[in-house]
C-alpha atoms as a PDB file:
ATOM      1  CA  MET A   1    -153.781  45.262-100.034  1.00  0.00           C
ATOM      2  CA  ARG A   2    -150.315  44.765-101.547  1.00  0.00           C
ATOM      3  CA  ILE A   3    -149.033  48.055-100.127  1.00  0.00           C
ATOM      4  CA  SER A   4    -150.212  47.229 -96.608  1.00  0.00           C
ATOM      5  CA  SER A   5    -148.524  43.820 -96.916  1.00  0.00           C
ATOM      6  CA  LEU A   6    -145.317  45.547 -97.979  1.00  0.00           C
ATOM      7  CA  PHE A   7    -145.453  47.883 -94.976  1.00  0.00           C
ATOM      8  CA  LEU A   8    -146.105  44.990 -92.609  1.00  0.00           C
ATOM      9  CA  GLY A   9    -143.208  43.088 -94.140  1.00  0.00           C
ATOM     10  CA  LEU A  10    -140.877  46.049 -93.788  1.00  0.00           C
ATOM     11  CA  ALA A  11    -142.007  46.580 -90.208  1.00  0.00           C
ATOM     12  CA  ALA A  12    -141.233  42.961 -89.408  1.00  0.00           C
ATOM     13  CA  VAL A  13    -137.844  43.193 -91.093  1.00  0.00           C
ATOM     14  CA  SER A  14    -137.005  46.433 -89.293  1.00  0.00           C
ATOM     15  CA  ALA A  15    -137.809  44.827 -85.971  1.00  0.00           C
ATOM     16  CA  THR A  16    -135.483  41.910 -86.682  1.00  0.00           C
ATOM     17  CA  THR A  17    -132.607  43.571 -88.533  1.00  0.00           C
ATOM     18  CA  VAL A  18    -129.186  43.786 -87.013  1.00  0.00           C
ATOM     19  CA  PRO A  19    -128.169  47.406 -86.499  1.00  0.00           C
ATOM     20  CA  ALA A  20    -125.451  48.755 -88.766  1.00  0.00           C
ATOM     21  CA  ALA A  21    -123.135  49.092 -85.775  1.00  0.00           C
ATOM     22  CA  ALA A  22    -123.017  45.307 -85.576  1.00  0.00           C
ATOM     23  CA  HIS A  23    -120.884  45.058 -88.701  1.00  0.00           C
ATOM     24  CA  VAL A  24    -117.424  43.814 -87.930  1.00  0.00           C
ATOM     25  CA  GLY A  25    -114.424  45.624 -89.343  1.00  0.00           C
ATOM     26  CA  GLU A  26    -115.391  49.259 -89.194  1.00  0.00           C
ATOM     27  CA  ALA A  27    -115.533  51.133 -85.901  1.00  0.00           C
ATOM     28  CA  GLU A  28    -117.119  54.375 -87.076  1.00  0.00           C
ATOM     29  CA  HIS A  29    -120.139  54.839 -89.282  1.00  0.00           C
ATOM     30  CA  PRO A  30    -123.400  56.780 -89.074  1.00  0.00           C
ATOM     31  CA  VAL A  31    -126.022  55.654 -86.612  1.00  0.00           C
ATOM     32  CA  VAL A  32    -129.129  54.097 -88.110  1.00  0.00           C
ATOM     33  CA  ARG A  33    -132.383  55.434 -86.668  1.00  0.00           C
ATOM     34  CA  SER A  34    -134.228  52.910 -84.548  1.00  0.00           C
ATOM     35  CA  GLU A  35    -137.469  54.890 -84.375  1.00  0.00           C
ATOM     36  CA  PRO A  36    -139.188  57.262 -86.779  1.00  0.00           C
ATOM     37  CA  ILE A  37    -139.200  61.017 -86.318  1.00  0.00           C
ATOM     38  CA  ALA A  38    -142.033  62.094 -83.985  1.00  0.00           C
ATOM     39  CA  GLY A  39    -143.122  58.449 -83.779  1.00  0.00           C
ATOM     40  CA  VAL A  40    -144.795  58.709 -87.206  1.00  0.00           C
ATOM     41  CA  TYR A  41    -144.734  55.477 -89.195  1.00  0.00           C
ATOM     42  CA  ASN A  42    -145.331  56.603 -92.764  1.00  0.00           C
ATOM     43  CA  ARG A  43    -144.036  55.718 -96.220  1.00  0.00           C
ATOM     44  CA  PHE A  44    -140.973  57.910 -95.720  1.00  0.00           C
ATOM     45  CA  TRP A  45    -139.971  55.867 -92.660  1.00  0.00           C
ATOM     46  CA  TYR A  46    -140.372  52.637 -94.587  1.00  0.00           C
ATOM     47  CA  ASN A  47    -138.458  54.090 -97.544  1.00  0.00           C
ATOM     48  CA  TYR A  48    -135.667  54.967 -95.116  1.00  0.00           C
ATOM     49  CA  LEU A  49    -135.639  51.416 -93.724  1.00  0.00           C
ATOM     50  CA  THR A  50    -135.555  50.018 -97.236  1.00  0.00           C
ATOM     51  CA  ASP A  51    -132.583  52.255 -98.098  1.00  0.00           C
ATOM     52  CA  VAL A  52    -130.735  51.130 -94.958  1.00  0.00           C
ATOM     53  CA  LEU A  53    -131.393  47.452 -95.686  1.00  0.00           C
ATOM     54  CA  GLU A  54    -130.250  47.905 -99.283  1.00  0.00           C
ATOM     55  CA  ALA A  55    -127.051  49.648 -98.145  1.00  0.00           C
ATOM     56  CA  ASP A  56    -126.441  46.810 -95.674  1.00  0.00           C
ATOM     57  CA  LYS A  57    -126.891  44.193 -98.370  1.00  0.00           C
ATOM     58  CA  GLU A  58    -124.618  46.065-100.768  1.00  0.00           C
ATOM     59  CA  LEU A  59    -121.914  46.465 -98.111  1.00  0.00           C
ATOM     60  CA  LYS A  60    -121.903  42.747 -97.399  1.00  0.00           C
ATOM     61  CA  SER A  61    -121.685  41.997-101.101  1.00  0.00           C
ATOM     62  CA  ASP A  62    -118.877  44.519-101.649  1.00  0.00           C
ATOM     63  CA  LEU A  63    -116.895  43.178 -98.696  1.00  0.00           C
ATOM     64  CA  ARG A  64    -117.259  39.619 -99.979  1.00  0.00           C
ATOM     65  CA  ARG A  65    -115.846  40.662-103.359  1.00  0.00           C
ATOM     66  CA  ALA A  66    -113.072  42.861-101.911  1.00  0.00           C
ATOM     67  CA  THR A  67    -109.622  41.730-102.921  1.00  0.00           C
ATOM     68  CA  ASP A  68    -107.546  44.211-100.905  1.00  0.00           C
ATOM     69  CA  GLU A  69    -107.761  46.839 -98.164  1.00  0.00           C
ATOM     70  CA  GLU A  70    -108.553  49.609-100.648  1.00  0.00           C
ATOM     71  CA  ASP A  71    -111.638  47.722-101.838  1.00  0.00           C
ATOM     72  CA  LYS A  72    -112.770  47.345 -98.224  1.00  0.00           C
ATOM     73  CA  ARG A  73    -112.230  51.048 -97.521  1.00  0.00           C
ATOM     74  CA  ASP A  74    -114.193  51.935-100.652  1.00  0.00           C
ATOM     75  CA  ALA A  75    -117.052  49.642 -99.596  1.00  0.00           C
ATOM     76  CA  TRP A  76    -117.233  51.217 -96.132  1.00  0.00           C
ATOM     77  CA  GLU A  77    -117.009  54.730 -97.572  1.00  0.00           C
ATOM     78  CA  GLU A  78    -119.881  54.014 -99.965  1.00  0.00           C
ATOM     79  CA  TYR A  79    -121.881  52.478 -97.111  1.00  0.00           C
ATOM     80  CA  ARG A  80    -121.390  55.555 -94.916  1.00  0.00           C
ATOM     81  CA  HIS A  81    -122.360  57.806 -97.818  1.00  0.00           C
ATOM     82  CA  GLU A  82    -125.543  55.822 -98.485  1.00  0.00           C
ATOM     83  CA  LEU A  83    -126.586  55.882 -94.823  1.00  0.00           C
ATOM     84  CA  VAL A  84    -126.037  59.632 -94.566  1.00  0.00           C
ATOM     85  CA  ASP A  85    -127.920  60.185 -97.825  1.00  0.00           C
ATOM     86  CA  ALA A  86    -130.861  58.013 -96.702  1.00  0.00           C
ATOM     87  CA  ASP A  87    -131.080  59.877 -93.391  1.00  0.00           C
ATOM     88  CA  LYS A  88    -130.846  63.253 -95.100  1.00  0.00           C
ATOM     89  CA  ASP A  89    -133.655  62.362 -97.505  1.00  0.00           C
ATOM     90  CA  TYR A  90    -135.834  61.054 -94.675  1.00  0.00           C
ATOM     91  CA  VAL A  91    -135.310  64.128 -92.484  1.00  0.00           C
ATOM     92  CA  GLU A  92    -136.007  66.426 -95.440  1.00  0.00           C
ATOM     93  CA  GLU A  93    -139.279  64.655 -96.274  1.00  0.00           C
ATOM     94  CA  MET A  94    -140.418  64.793 -92.659  1.00  0.00           C
ATOM     95  CA  ARG A  95    -139.400  68.432 -92.357  1.00  0.00           C
ATOM     96  CA  ASP A  96    -141.495  69.225 -95.453  1.00  0.00           C
ATOM     97  CA  ARG A  97    -144.458  67.769 -93.549  1.00  0.00           C
ATOM     98  CA  ASN A  98    -143.707  69.892 -90.444  1.00  0.00           C
ATOM     99  CA  TYR A  99    -142.188  67.114 -88.347  1.00  0.00           C
ATOM    100  CA  ARG A 100    -138.962  68.180 -86.714  1.00  0.00           C
ATOM    101  CA  VAL A 101    -136.018  66.252 -85.380  1.00  0.00           C
ATOM    102  CA  GLY A 102    -135.604  66.962 -81.667  1.00  0.00           C
ATOM    103  CA  ARG A 103    -132.327  68.483 -80.572  1.00  0.00           C
ATOM    104  CA  VAL A 104    -131.057  69.003 -77.027  1.00  0.00           C
ATOM    105  CA  THR A 105    -128.382  71.613 -76.396  1.00  0.00           C
ATOM    106  CA  ILE A 106    -126.497  71.712 -73.119  1.00  0.00           C
ATOM    107  CA  GLY A 107    -124.475  74.785 -72.254  1.00  0.00           C
ATOM    108  CA  ASN A 108    -124.089  77.891 -74.368  1.00  0.00           C
END
């Protein structure tokens, strides 16, 4: 019962979270997935969402404590690294379960 409540809570949070691109101050950072791979809502999707929310929270905290531009750059760099790492872990777990990320190639 507790696990299903956790998943429902994470689903509600994911539906109401502000996308990472909404952060002010940094123009370029990795895109956060808005939907799970192959439309499969499993624990790996919710783990991914949890990682993204944690990275978001940590970025906000780091930016609040930043005293100079170098601190801000470090916070954004760590944020980008955490988002890429979360996505990599999620894709790897889904790939292990034979779900693939779709890719469209145009041209050669």
